[in-house]
Amino acid sequence: MSSRDTTPSTRLSLIALLCFSLIAALALAERPEPEVYGEFQGDKMYTLLPPDGIPAILDPEYLTGQEAADQMSADEPVMGLTNGKDSVCWSTWQLDAHEIVNDEFDGIAIAATW
């Protein structure tokens, strides 16, 4: 193979690489600077998301234990709450996209955060 390989697959790869580079450059150019919203021990603190940039789960729908077992991976991490009689749990994989569940448990308003 010569140093000037011009096969169709090589040209296609180069075109794809150039397109990806252009898209990445445009995305970086359009990204606004993070807003400084304070300082802590002399270090600036930045906000990267606007208020409510990560939506909370406001009205969670629960599954029975069997329904959850049928849908979830056996090694899926969860966090939960129990009062000794009733229990609830939330998949931390789902909470990665929401971070907060606002709910009521045993008559008490709760905010489960991840």
PDB file of N, CA and C in Angstrom:
ATOM      1  N   MET A   1       0.850  -1.175   0.000  1.00  0.00           N
ATOM      2  CA  MET A   1       0.000   0.000   0.000  1.00  0.00           C
ATOM      3  C   MET A   1       0.893   1.235   0.000  1.00  0.00           C
ATOM      4  N   SER A   2       0.579   2.178  -0.836  1.00  0.00           N
ATOM      5  CA  SER A   2       1.373   3.405  -0.924  1.00  0.00           C
ATOM      6  C   SER A   2       0.929   4.395   0.148  1.00  0.00           C
ATOM      7  N   SER A   3       1.708   5.438   0.322  1.00  0.00           N
ATOM      8  CA  SER A   3       1.347   6.460   1.305  1.00  0.00           C
ATOM      9  C   SER A   3       0.214   7.334   0.804  1.00  0.00           C
ATOM     10  N   ARG A   4      -0.170   7.173  -0.457  1.00  0.00           N
ATOM     11  CA  ARG A   4      -1.264   7.945  -1.035  1.00  0.00           C
ATOM     12  C   ARG A   4      -2.408   7.007  -1.384  1.00  0.00           C
ATOM     13  N   ASP A   5      -2.896   6.263  -0.399  1.00  0.00           N
ATOM     14  CA  ASP A   5      -3.993   5.312  -0.594  1.00  0.00           C
ATOM     15  C   ASP A   5      -5.273   6.085  -0.892  1.00  0.00           C
ATOM     16  N   THR A   6      -5.841   5.865  -2.065  1.00  0.00           N
ATOM     17  CA  THR A   6      -7.048   6.600  -2.444  1.00  0.00           C
ATOM     18  C   THR A   6      -8.209   5.658  -2.721  1.00  0.00           C
ATOM     19  N   THR A   7      -8.276   4.539  -2.008  1.00  0.00           N
ATOM     20  CA  THR A   7      -9.388   3.620  -2.202  1.00  0.00           C
ATOM     21  C   THR A   7     -10.665   4.291  -1.732  1.00  0.00           C
ATOM     22  N   PRO A   8     -11.822   3.861  -2.260  1.00  0.00           N
ATOM     23  CA  PRO A   8     -13.093   4.474  -1.836  1.00  0.00           C
ATOM     24  C   PRO A   8     -13.309   4.417  -0.320  1.00  0.00           C
ATOM     25  N   SER A   9     -12.928   3.329   0.314  1.00  0.00           N
ATOM     26  CA  SER A   9     -13.148   3.241   1.767  1.00  0.00           C
ATOM     27  C   SER A   9     -12.266   4.232   2.520  1.00  0.00           C
ATOM     28  N   THR A  10     -11.058   4.458   2.044  1.00  0.00           N
ATOM     29  CA  THR A  10     -10.174   5.439   2.687  1.00  0.00           C
ATOM     30  C   THR A  10     -10.720   6.851   2.516  1.00  0.00           C
ATOM     31  N   ARG A  11     -11.180   7.163   1.309  1.00  0.00           N
ATOM     32  CA  ARG A  11     -11.757   8.484   1.079  1.00  0.00           C
ATOM     33  C   ARG A  11     -12.999   8.696   1.932  1.00  0.00           C
ATOM     34  N   LEU A  12     -13.837   7.651   2.029  1.00  0.00           N
ATOM     35  CA  LEU A  12     -15.045   7.748   2.849  1.00  0.00           C
ATOM     36  C   LEU A  12     -14.688   7.966   4.318  1.00  0.00           C
ATOM     37  N   SER A  13     -13.664   7.263   4.783  1.00  0.00           N
ATOM     38  CA  SER A  13     -13.226   7.436   6.176  1.00  0.00           C
ATOM     39  C   SER A  13     -12.723   8.856   6.422  1.00  0.00           C
ATOM     40  N   LEU A  14     -11.970   9.380   5.476  1.00  0.00           N
ATOM     41  CA  LEU A  14     -11.460  10.744   5.631  1.00  0.00           C
ATOM     42  C   LEU A  14     -12.587  11.775   5.609  1.00  0.00           C
ATOM     43  N   ILE A  15     -13.560  11.585   4.734  1.00  0.00           N
ATOM     44  CA  ILE A  15     -14.699  12.499   4.680  1.00  0.00           C
ATOM     45  C   ILE A  15     -15.475  12.449   5.988  1.00  0.00           C
ATOM     46  N   ALA A  16     -15.703  11.227   6.528  1.00  0.00           N
ATOM     47  CA  ALA A  16     -16.417  11.089   7.799  1.00  0.00           C
ATOM     48  C   ALA A  16     -15.650  11.773   8.924  1.00  0.00           C
ATOM     49  N   LEU A  17     -14.341  11.613   8.947  1.00  0.00           N
ATOM     50  CA  LEU A  17     -13.516  12.243   9.978  1.00  0.00           C
ATOM     51  C   LEU A  17     -13.591  13.764   9.875  1.00  0.00           C
ATOM     52  N   LEU A  18     -13.529  14.291   8.662  1.00  0.00           N
ATOM     53  CA  LEU A  18     -13.628  15.738   8.483  1.00  0.00           C
ATOM     54  C   LEU A  18     -14.998  16.265   8.912  1.00  0.00           C
ATOM     55  N   CYS A  19     -16.070  15.531   8.561  1.00  0.00           N
ATOM     56  CA  CYS A  19     -17.419  15.953   8.970  1.00  0.00           C
ATOM     57  C   CYS A  19     -17.545  15.945  10.482  1.00  0.00           C
ATOM     58  N   PHE A  20     -17.048  14.892  11.127  1.00  0.00           N
ATOM     59  CA  PHE A  20     -17.110  14.808  12.583  1.00  0.00           C
ATOM     60  C   PHE A  20     -16.340  15.962  13.215  1.00  0.00           C
ATOM     61  N   SER A  21     -15.157  16.253  12.677  1.00  0.00           N
ATOM     62  CA  SER A  21     -14.346  17.352  13.218  1.00  0.00           C
ATOM     63  C   SER A  21     -15.060  18.688  13.073  1.00  0.00           C
ATOM     64  N   LEU A  22     -15.705  18.898  11.935  1.00  0.00           N
ATOM     65  CA  LEU A  22     -16.431  20.143  11.715  1.00  0.00           C
ATOM     66  C   LEU A  22     -17.607  20.270  12.679  1.00  0.00           C
ATOM     67  N   ILE A  23     -18.358  19.197  12.859  1.00  0.00           N
ATOM     68  CA  ILE A  23     -19.494  19.219  13.788  1.00  0.00           C
ATOM     69  C   ILE A  23     -19.011  19.491  15.207  1.00  0.00           C
ATOM     70  N   ALA A  24     -17.925  18.837  15.610  1.00  0.00           N
ATOM     71  CA  ALA A  24     -17.383  19.045  16.958  1.00  0.00           C
ATOM     72  C   ALA A  24     -16.923  20.489  17.141  1.00  0.00           C
ATOM     73  N   ALA A  25     -16.272  21.041  16.138  1.00  0.00           N
ATOM     74  CA  ALA A  25     -15.801  22.430  16.230  1.00  0.00           C
ATOM     75  C   ALA A  25     -16.972  23.402  16.338  1.00  0.00           C
ATOM     76  N   LEU A  26     -18.020  23.165  15.559  1.00  0.00           N
ATOM     77  CA  LEU A  26     -19.199  24.033  15.636  1.00  0.00           C
ATOM     78  C   LEU A  26     -19.881  23.926  16.994  1.00  0.00           C
ATOM     79  N   ALA A  27     -19.968  22.723  17.522  1.00  0.00           N
ATOM     80  CA  ALA A  27     -20.607  22.534  18.831  1.00  0.00           C
ATOM     81  C   ALA A  27     -19.821  23.264  19.912  1.00  0.00           C
ATOM     82  N   LEU A  28     -18.509  23.181  19.860  1.00  0.00           N
ATOM     83  CA  LEU A  28     -17.690  23.869  20.860  1.00  0.00           C
ATOM     84  C   LEU A  28     -17.782  25.379  20.702  1.00  0.00           C
ATOM     85  N   ALA A  29     -17.849  25.850  19.468  1.00  0.00           N
ATOM     86  CA  ALA A  29     -17.912  27.295  19.232  1.00  0.00           C
ATOM     87  C   ALA A  29     -19.222  27.889  19.719  1.00  0.00           C
ATOM     88  N   GLU A  30     -20.320  27.126  19.660  1.00  0.00           N
ATOM     89  CA  GLU A  30     -21.624  27.641  20.046  1.00  0.00           C
ATOM     90  C   GLU A  30     -21.921  27.475  21.533  1.00  0.00           C
ATOM     91  N   ARG A  31     -21.096  26.721  22.244  1.00  0.00           N
ATOM     92  CA  ARG A  31     -21.345  26.476  23.653  1.00  0.00           C
ATOM     93  C   ARG A  31     -21.038  27.732  24.460  1.00  0.00           C
ATOM     94  N   PRO A  32     -22.010  28.216  25.235  1.00  0.00           N
ATOM     95  CA  PRO A  32     -21.758  29.424  26.017  1.00  0.00           C
ATOM     96  C   PRO A  32     -20.810  29.145  27.179  1.00  0.00           C
ATOM     97  N   GLU A  33     -20.146  30.187  27.610  1.00  0.00           N
ATOM     98  CA  GLU A  33     -19.278  30.074  28.777  1.00  0.00           C
ATOM     99  C   GLU A  33     -20.124  29.777  30.008  1.00  0.00           C
ATOM    100  N   PRO A  34     -19.653  28.903  30.899  1.00  0.00           N
ATOM    101  CA  PRO A  34     -20.409  28.670  32.126  1.00  0.00           C
ATOM    102  C   PRO A  34     -20.497  29.947  32.951  1.00  0.00           C
ATOM    103  N   GLU A  35     -21.613  30.126  33.602  1.00  0.00           N
ATOM    104  CA  GLU A  35     -21.841  31.328  34.396  1.00  0.00           C
ATOM    105  C   GLU A  35     -21.253  31.144  35.800  1.00  0.00           C
ATOM    106  N   VAL A  36     -20.472  32.113  36.232  1.00  0.00           N
ATOM    107  CA  VAL A  36     -19.937  32.095  37.589  1.00  0.00           C
ATOM    108  C   VAL A  36     -21.051  32.559  38.514  1.00  0.00           C
ATOM    109  N   TYR A  37     -21.371  31.746  39.526  1.00  0.00           N
ATOM    110  CA  TYR A  37     -22.438  32.157  40.423  1.00  0.00           C
ATOM    111  C   TYR A  37     -21.981  32.328  41.861  1.00  0.00           C
ATOM    112  N   GLY A  38     -20.704  32.240  42.100  1.00  0.00           N
ATOM    113  CA  GLY A  38     -20.210  32.474  43.447  1.00  0.00           C
ATOM    114  C   GLY A  38     -18.792  31.959  43.603  1.00  0.00           C
ATOM    115  N   GLU A  39     -18.316  32.029  44.826  1.00  0.00           N
ATOM    116  CA  GLU A  39     -16.988  31.516  45.146  1.00  0.00           C
ATOM    117  C   GLU A  39     -17.065  30.710  46.427  1.00  0.00           C
ATOM    118  N   PHE A  40     -16.180  29.738  46.526  1.00  0.00           N
ATOM    119  CA  PHE A  40     -16.065  28.937  47.740  1.00  0.00           C
ATOM    120  C   PHE A  40     -14.586  28.775  48.037  1.00  0.00           C
ATOM    121  N   GLN A  41     -14.155  29.281  49.155  1.00  0.00           N
ATOM    122  CA  GLN A  41     -12.760  29.232  49.581  1.00  0.00           C
ATOM    123  C   GLN A  41     -11.821  29.725  48.480  1.00  0.00           C
ATOM    124  N   GLY A  42     -12.237  30.808  47.814  1.00  0.00           N
ATOM    125  CA  GLY A  42     -11.407  31.425  46.794  1.00  0.00           C
ATOM    126  C   GLY A  42     -11.526  30.827  45.403  1.00  0.00           C
ATOM    127  N   ASP A  43     -12.262  29.721  45.268  1.00  0.00           N
ATOM    128  CA  ASP A  43     -12.444  29.100  43.955  1.00  0.00           C
ATOM    129  C   ASP A  43     -13.794  29.492  43.376  1.00  0.00           C
ATOM    130  N   LYS A  44     -13.808  29.793  42.086  1.00  0.00           N
ATOM    131  CA  LYS A  44     -15.057  30.138  41.420  1.00  0.00           C
ATOM    132  C   LYS A  44     -15.945  28.907  41.305  1.00  0.00           C
ATOM    133  N   MET A  45     -17.255  29.129  41.450  1.00  0.00           N
ATOM    134  CA  MET A  45     -18.241  28.073  41.245  1.00  0.00           C
ATOM    135  C   MET A  45     -19.031  28.428  39.995  1.00  0.00           C
ATOM    136  N   TYR A  46     -19.246  27.438  39.146  1.00  0.00           N
ATOM    137  CA  TYR A  46     -19.915  27.661  37.870  1.00  0.00           C
ATOM    138  C   TYR A  46     -21.233  26.899  37.826  1.00  0.00           C
ATOM    139  N   THR A  47     -22.167  27.447  37.090  1.00  0.00           N
ATOM    140  CA  THR A  47     -23.403  26.727  36.814  1.00  0.00           C
ATOM    141  C   THR A  47     -23.325  26.239  35.371  1.00  0.00           C
ATOM    142  N   LEU A  48     -23.569  24.965  35.169  1.00  0.00           N
ATOM    143  CA  LEU A  48     -23.477  24.388  33.836  1.00  0.00           C
ATOM    144  C   LEU A  48     -24.845  24.151  33.218  1.00  0.00           C
ATOM    145  N   LEU A  49     -25.868  24.033  34.051  1.00  0.00           N
ATOM    146  CA  LEU A  49     -27.223  23.804  33.575  1.00  0.00           C
ATOM    147  C   LEU A  49     -28.122  24.933  34.033  1.00  0.00           C
ATOM    148  N   PRO A  50     -29.122  25.263  33.253  1.00  0.00           N
ATOM    149  CA  PRO A  50     -30.073  26.286  33.693  1.00  0.00           C
ATOM    150  C   PRO A  50     -30.941  25.731  34.819  1.00  0.00           C
ATOM    151  N   PRO A  51     -31.649  26.593  35.547  1.00  0.00           N
ATOM    152  CA  PRO A  51     -32.578  26.097  36.566  1.00  0.00           C
ATOM    153  C   PRO A  51     -33.544  25.089  35.934  1.00  0.00           C
ATOM    154  N   ASP A  52     -33.809  24.023  36.642  1.00  0.00           N
ATOM    155  CA  ASP A  52     -34.666  22.930  36.178  1.00  0.00           C
ATOM    156  C   ASP A  52     -34.106  22.251  34.940  1.00  0.00           C
ATOM    157  N   GLY A  53     -32.799  22.300  34.758  1.00  0.00           N
ATOM    158  CA  GLY A  53     -32.155  21.639  33.622  1.00  0.00           C
ATOM    159  C   GLY A  53     -32.221  20.128  33.707  1.00  0.00           C
ATOM    160  N   ILE A  54     -32.400  19.587  34.895  1.00  0.00           N
ATOM    161  CA  ILE A  54     -32.589  18.151  35.089  1.00  0.00           C
ATOM    162  C   ILE A  54     -33.950  17.985  35.742  1.00  0.00           C
ATOM    163  N   PRO A  55     -34.939  17.492  35.002  1.00  0.00           N
ATOM    164  CA  PRO A  55     -36.294  17.427  35.545  1.00  0.00           C
ATOM    165  C   PRO A  55     -36.439  16.361  36.623  1.00  0.00           C
ATOM    166  N   ALA A  56     -37.101  16.723  37.706  1.00  0.00           N
ATOM    167  CA  ALA A  56     -37.391  15.772  38.781  1.00  0.00           C
ATOM    168  C   ALA A  56     -38.532  14.849  38.342  1.00  0.00           C
ATOM    169  N   ILE A  57     -38.588  13.676  38.950  1.00  0.00           N
ATOM    170  CA  ILE A  57     -39.738  12.795  38.769  1.00  0.00           C
ATOM    171  C   ILE A  57     -40.774  13.256  39.781  1.00  0.00           C
ATOM    172  N   LEU A  58     -41.914  13.735  39.290  1.00  0.00           N
ATOM    173  CA  LEU A  58     -42.918  14.335  40.167  1.00  0.00           C
ATOM    174  C   LEU A  58     -44.040  13.381  40.550  1.00  0.00           C
ATOM    175  N   ASP A  59     -44.327  12.423  39.722  1.00  0.00           N
ATOM    176  CA  ASP A  59     -45.420  11.497  39.984  1.00  0.00           C
ATOM    177  C   ASP A  59     -44.965  10.088  39.613  1.00  0.00           C
ATOM    178  N   PRO A  60     -44.095   9.492  40.429  1.00  0.00           N
ATOM    179  CA  PRO A  60     -43.518   8.193  40.054  1.00  0.00           C
ATOM    180  C   PRO A  60     -44.577   7.098  39.957  1.00  0.00           C
ATOM    181  N   GLU A  61     -44.358   6.209  39.021  1.00  0.00           N
ATOM    182  CA  GLU A  61     -45.210   5.035  38.880  1.00  0.00           C
ATOM    183  C   GLU A  61     -44.407   3.837  39.365  1.00  0.00           C
ATOM    184  N   TYR A  62     -44.975   3.063  40.266  1.00  0.00           N
ATOM    185  CA  TYR A  62     -44.266   1.943  40.854  1.00  0.00           C
ATOM    186  C   TYR A  62     -44.729   0.620  40.260  1.00  0.00           C
ATOM    187  N   LEU A  63     -43.823  -0.329  40.252  1.00  0.00           N
ATOM    188  CA  LEU A  63     -44.103  -1.684  39.803  1.00  0.00           C
ATOM    189  C   LEU A  63     -44.152  -2.603  41.012  1.00  0.00           C
ATOM    190  N   THR A  64     -44.790  -3.751  40.849  1.00  0.00           N
ATOM    191  CA  THR A  64     -44.708  -4.764  41.897  1.00  0.00           C
ATOM    192  C   THR A  64     -43.297  -5.339  41.867  1.00  0.00           C
ATOM    193  N   GLY A  65     -42.930  -6.055  42.879  1.00  0.00           N
ATOM    194  CA  GLY A  65     -41.613  -6.680  42.922  1.00  0.00           C
ATOM    195  C   GLY A  65     -41.364  -7.582  41.726  1.00  0.00           C
ATOM    196  N   GLN A  66     -42.365  -8.363  41.336  1.00  0.00           N
ATOM    197  CA  GLN A  66     -42.210  -9.266  40.198  1.00  0.00           C
ATOM    198  C   GLN A  66     -42.081  -8.490  38.884  1.00  0.00           C
ATOM    199  N   GLU A  67     -42.897  -7.447  38.722  1.00  0.00           N
ATOM    200  CA  GLU A  67     -42.798  -6.627  37.503  1.00  0.00           C
ATOM    201  C   GLU A  67     -41.413  -5.990  37.393  1.00  0.00           C
ATOM    202  N   ALA A  68     -40.903  -5.508  38.516  1.00  0.00           N
ATOM    203  CA  ALA A  68     -39.570  -4.905  38.524  1.00  0.00           C
ATOM    204  C   ALA A  68     -38.511  -5.946  38.186  1.00  0.00           C
ATOM    205  N   ALA A  69     -38.627  -7.145  38.767  1.00  0.00           N
ATOM    206  CA  ALA A  69     -37.665  -8.212  38.491  1.00  0.00           C
ATOM    207  C   ALA A  69     -37.672  -8.594  37.017  1.00  0.00           C
ATOM    208  N   ASP A  70     -38.848  -8.543  36.390  1.00  0.00           N
ATOM    209  CA  ASP A  70     -38.963  -8.883  34.973  1.00  0.00           C
ATOM    210  C   ASP A  70     -38.314  -7.822  34.079  1.00  0.00           C
ATOM    211  N   GLN A  71     -38.263  -6.570  34.535  1.00  0.00           N
ATOM    212  CA  GLN A  71     -37.768  -5.477  33.701  1.00  0.00           C
ATOM    213  C   GLN A  71     -36.350  -5.027  34.021  1.00  0.00           C
ATOM    214  N   MET A  72     -35.906  -5.271  35.224  1.00  0.00           N
ATOM    215  CA  MET A  72     -34.610  -4.749  35.658  1.00  0.00           C
ATOM    216  C   MET A  72     -33.530  -5.808  35.577  1.00  0.00           C
ATOM    217  N   SER A  73     -32.308  -5.343  35.431  1.00  0.00           N
ATOM    218  CA  SER A  73     -31.155  -6.224  35.458  1.00  0.00           C
ATOM    219  C   SER A  73     -30.929  -6.687  36.897  1.00  0.00           C
ATOM    220  N   ALA A  74     -30.441  -7.897  37.048  1.00  0.00           N
ATOM    221  CA  ALA A  74     -30.213  -8.443  38.394  1.00  0.00           C
ATOM    222  C   ALA A  74     -29.177  -7.634  39.173  1.00  0.00           C
ATOM    223  N   ASP A  75     -28.274  -6.959  38.470  1.00  0.00           N
ATOM    224  CA  ASP A  75     -27.247  -6.172  39.165  1.00  0.00           C
ATOM    225  C   ASP A  75     -27.525  -4.666  39.118  1.00  0.00           C
ATOM    226  N   GLU A  76     -28.759  -4.288  38.776  1.00  0.00           N
ATOM    227  CA  GLU A  76     -29.114  -2.867  38.687  1.00  0.00           C
ATOM    228  C   GLU A  76     -29.160  -2.256  40.084  1.00  0.00           C
ATOM    229  N   PRO A  77     -28.362  -1.223  40.331  1.00  0.00           N
ATOM    230  CA  PRO A  77     -28.362  -0.605  41.664  1.00  0.00           C
ATOM    231  C   PRO A  77     -29.643   0.200  41.906  1.00  0.00           C
ATOM    232  N   VAL A  78     -30.114   0.153  43.119  1.00  0.00           N
ATOM    233  CA  VAL A  78     -31.308   0.898  43.506  1.00  0.00           C
ATOM    234  C   VAL A  78     -31.044   1.578  44.836  1.00  0.00           C
ATOM    235  N   MET A  79     -31.854   2.575  45.144  1.00  0.00           N
ATOM    236  CA  MET A  79     -31.888   3.125  46.491  1.00  0.00           C
ATOM    237  C   MET A  79     -33.335   3.035  46.938  1.00  0.00           C
ATOM    238  N   GLY A  80     -33.523   2.814  48.209  1.00  0.00           N
ATOM    239  CA  GLY A  80     -34.877   2.573  48.666  1.00  0.00           C
ATOM    240  C   GLY A  80     -35.168   3.154  50.028  1.00  0.00           C
ATOM    241  N   LEU A  81     -36.424   2.980  50.405  1.00  0.00           N
ATOM    242  CA  LEU A  81     -36.941   3.506  51.660  1.00  0.00           C
ATOM    243  C   LEU A  81     -37.947   2.505  52.196  1.00  0.00           C
ATOM    244  N   THR A  82     -37.900   2.258  53.484  1.00  0.00           N
ATOM    245  CA  THR A  82     -38.874   1.356  54.100  1.00  0.00           C
ATOM    246  C   THR A  82     -39.282   1.888  55.459  1.00  0.00           C
ATOM    247  N   ASN A  83     -40.484   1.539  55.873  1.00  0.00           N
ATOM    248  CA  ASN A  83     -40.934   1.867  57.217  1.00  0.00           C
ATOM    249  C   ASN A  83     -41.138   0.585  58.027  1.00  0.00           C
ATOM    250  N   GLY A  84     -40.648  -0.531  57.512  1.00  0.00           N
ATOM    251  CA  GLY A  84     -40.800  -1.825  58.167  1.00  0.00           C
ATOM    252  C   GLY A  84     -42.027  -2.585  57.684  1.00  0.00           C
ATOM    253  N   LYS A  85     -42.947  -1.884  57.059  1.00  0.00           N
ATOM    254  CA  LYS A  85     -44.167  -2.503  56.541  1.00  0.00           C
ATOM    255  C   LYS A  85     -44.236  -2.348  55.032  1.00  0.00           C
ATOM    256  N   ASP A  86     -43.999  -1.145  54.544  1.00  0.00           N
ATOM    257  CA  ASP A  86     -44.003  -0.856  53.108  1.00  0.00           C
ATOM    258  C   ASP A  86     -42.604  -0.440  52.686  1.00  0.00           C
ATOM    259  N   SER A  87     -42.311  -0.672  51.416  1.00  0.00           N
ATOM    260  CA  SER A  87     -41.000  -0.302  50.866  1.00  0.00           C
ATOM    261  C   SER A  87     -41.169   0.219  49.455  1.00  0.00           C
ATOM    262  N   VAL A  88     -40.291   1.120  49.071  1.00  0.00           N
ATOM    263  CA  VAL A  88     -40.201   1.594  47.692  1.00  0.00           C
ATOM    264  C   VAL A  88     -38.723   1.654  47.329  1.00  0.00           C
ATOM    265  N   CYS A  89     -38.444   1.556  46.047  1.00  0.00           N
ATOM    266  CA  CYS A  89     -37.067   1.750  45.606  1.00  0.00           C
ATOM    267  C   CYS A  89     -37.070   2.367  44.228  1.00  0.00           C
ATOM    268  N   TRP A  90     -35.951   2.999  43.913  1.00  0.00           N
ATOM    269  CA  TRP A  90     -35.781   3.691  42.642  1.00  0.00           C
ATOM    270  C   TRP A  90     -34.485   3.222  42.013  1.00  0.00           C
ATOM    271  N   SER A  91     -34.517   2.943  40.733  1.00  0.00           N
ATOM    272  CA  SER A  91     -33.325   2.556  39.992  1.00  0.00           C
ATOM    273  C   SER A  91     -32.396   3.751  39.884  1.00  0.00           C
ATOM    274  N   THR A  92     -31.162   3.595  40.320  1.00  0.00           N
ATOM    275  CA  THR A  92     -30.221   4.717  40.199  1.00  0.00           C
ATOM    276  C   THR A  92     -29.868   4.959  38.739  1.00  0.00           C
ATOM    277  N   TRP A  93     -30.012   3.943  37.894  1.00  0.00           N
ATOM    278  CA  TRP A  93     -29.771   4.151  36.461  1.00  0.00           C
ATOM    279  C   TRP A  93     -30.817   5.120  35.909  1.00  0.00           C
ATOM    280  N   GLN A  94     -32.068   4.996  36.346  1.00  0.00           N
ATOM    281  CA  GLN A  94     -33.101   5.938  35.906  1.00  0.00           C
ATOM    282  C   GLN A  94     -32.894   7.304  36.551  1.00  0.00           C
ATOM    283  N   LEU A  95     -32.439   7.302  37.789  1.00  0.00           N
ATOM    284  CA  LEU A  95     -32.227   8.580  38.472  1.00  0.00           C
ATOM    285  C   LEU A  95     -31.046   9.361  37.898  1.00  0.00           C
ATOM    286  N   ASP A  96     -30.171   8.706  37.150  1.00  0.00           N
ATOM    287  CA  ASP A  96     -29.077   9.437  36.504  1.00  0.00           C
ATOM    288  C   ASP A  96     -29.617  10.537  35.606  1.00  0.00           C
ATOM    289  N   ALA A  97     -30.808  10.328  35.041  1.00  0.00           N
ATOM    290  CA  ALA A  97     -31.392  11.323  34.138  1.00  0.00           C
ATOM    291  C   ALA A  97     -32.317  12.295  34.863  1.00  0.00           C
ATOM    292  N   HIS A  98     -32.619  12.036  36.127  1.00  0.00           N
ATOM    293  CA  HIS A  98     -33.571  12.889  36.852  1.00  0.00           C
ATOM    294  C   HIS A  98     -33.009  13.420  38.168  1.00  0.00           C
ATOM    295  N   GLU A  99     -32.289  12.607  38.893  1.00  0.00           N
ATOM    296  CA  GLU A  99     -31.612  12.950  40.141  1.00  0.00           C
ATOM    297  C   GLU A  99     -32.522  13.169  41.343  1.00  0.00           C
ATOM    298  N   ILE A 100     -33.799  13.464  41.139  1.00  0.00           N
ATOM    299  CA  ILE A 100     -34.708  13.695  42.269  1.00  0.00           C
ATOM    300  C   ILE A 100     -36.051  13.041  41.993  1.00  0.00           C
ATOM    301  N   VAL A 101     -36.582  12.395  43.022  1.00  0.00           N
ATOM    302  CA  VAL A 101     -37.963  11.896  42.977  1.00  0.00           C
ATOM    303  C   VAL A 101     -38.723  12.613  44.086  1.00  0.00           C
ATOM    304  N   ASN A 102     -39.742  13.371  43.724  1.00  0.00           N
ATOM    305  CA  ASN A 102     -40.614  14.005  44.705  1.00  0.00           C
ATOM    306  C   ASN A 102     -41.835  13.105  44.863  1.00  0.00           C
ATOM    307  N   ASP A 103     -42.108  12.686  46.088  1.00  0.00           N
ATOM    308  CA  ASP A 103     -43.179  11.714  46.313  1.00  0.00           C
ATOM    309  C   ASP A 103     -43.693  11.857  47.738  1.00  0.00           C
ATOM    310  N   GLU A 104     -44.573  10.966  48.080  1.00  0.00           N
ATOM    311  CA  GLU A 104     -45.079  10.862  49.447  1.00  0.00           C
ATOM    312  C   GLU A 104     -44.936   9.413  49.872  1.00  0.00           C
ATOM    313  N   PHE A 105     -44.422   9.197  51.074  1.00  0.00           N
ATOM    314  CA  PHE A 105     -44.253   7.840  51.601  1.00  0.00           C
ATOM    315  C   PHE A 105     -44.749   7.816  53.035  1.00  0.00           C
ATOM    316  N   ASP A 106     -45.657   6.924  53.289  1.00  0.00           N
ATOM    317  CA  ASP A 106     -46.224   6.771  54.625  1.00  0.00           C
ATOM    318  C   ASP A 106     -46.802   8.100  55.143  1.00  0.00           C
ATOM    319  N   GLY A 107     -47.419   8.864  54.208  1.00  0.00           N
ATOM    320  CA  GLY A 107     -48.046  10.126  54.567  1.00  0.00           C
ATOM    321  C   GLY A 107     -47.099  11.302  54.739  1.00  0.00           C
ATOM    322  N   ILE A 108     -45.820  11.113  54.384  1.00  0.00           N
ATOM    323  CA  ILE A 108     -44.824  12.165  54.549  1.00  0.00           C
ATOM    324  C   ILE A 108     -44.254  12.531  53.174  1.00  0.00           C
ATOM    325  N   ALA A 109     -44.218  13.824  52.867  1.00  0.00           N
ATOM    326  CA  ALA A 109     -43.618  14.276  51.616  1.00  0.00           C
ATOM    327  C   ALA A 109     -42.115  14.019  51.667  1.00  0.00           C
ATOM    328  N   ILE A 110     -41.565  13.437  50.584  1.00  0.00           N
ATOM    329  CA  ILE A 110     -40.130  13.148  50.541  1.00  0.00           C
ATOM    330  C   ILE A 110     -39.557  13.643  49.223  1.00  0.00           C
ATOM    331  N   ALA A 111     -38.276  13.876  49.247  1.00  0.00           N
ATOM    332  CA  ALA A 111     -37.495  14.142  48.028  1.00  0.00           C
ATOM    333  C   ALA A 111     -36.302  13.208  48.088  1.00  0.00           C
ATOM    334  N   ALA A 112     -36.340  12.159  47.284  1.00  0.00           N
ATOM    335  CA  ALA A 112     -35.218  11.222  47.211  1.00  0.00           C
ATOM    336  C   ALA A 112     -34.267  11.761  46.162  1.00  0.00           C
ATOM    337  N   THR A 113     -33.014  11.969  46.532  1.00  0.00           N
ATOM    338  CA  THR A 113     -32.050  12.568  45.619  1.00  0.00           C
ATOM    339  C   THR A 113     -30.908  11.610  45.337  1.00  0.00           C
ATOM    340  N   TRP A 114     -30.379  11.709  44.127  1.00  0.00           N
ATOM    341  CA  TRP A 114     -29.261  10.859  43.689  1.00  0.00           C
ATOM    342  C   TRP A 114     -28.233  11.723  43.051  1.00  0.00           C
TER     343      TRP A 114
END
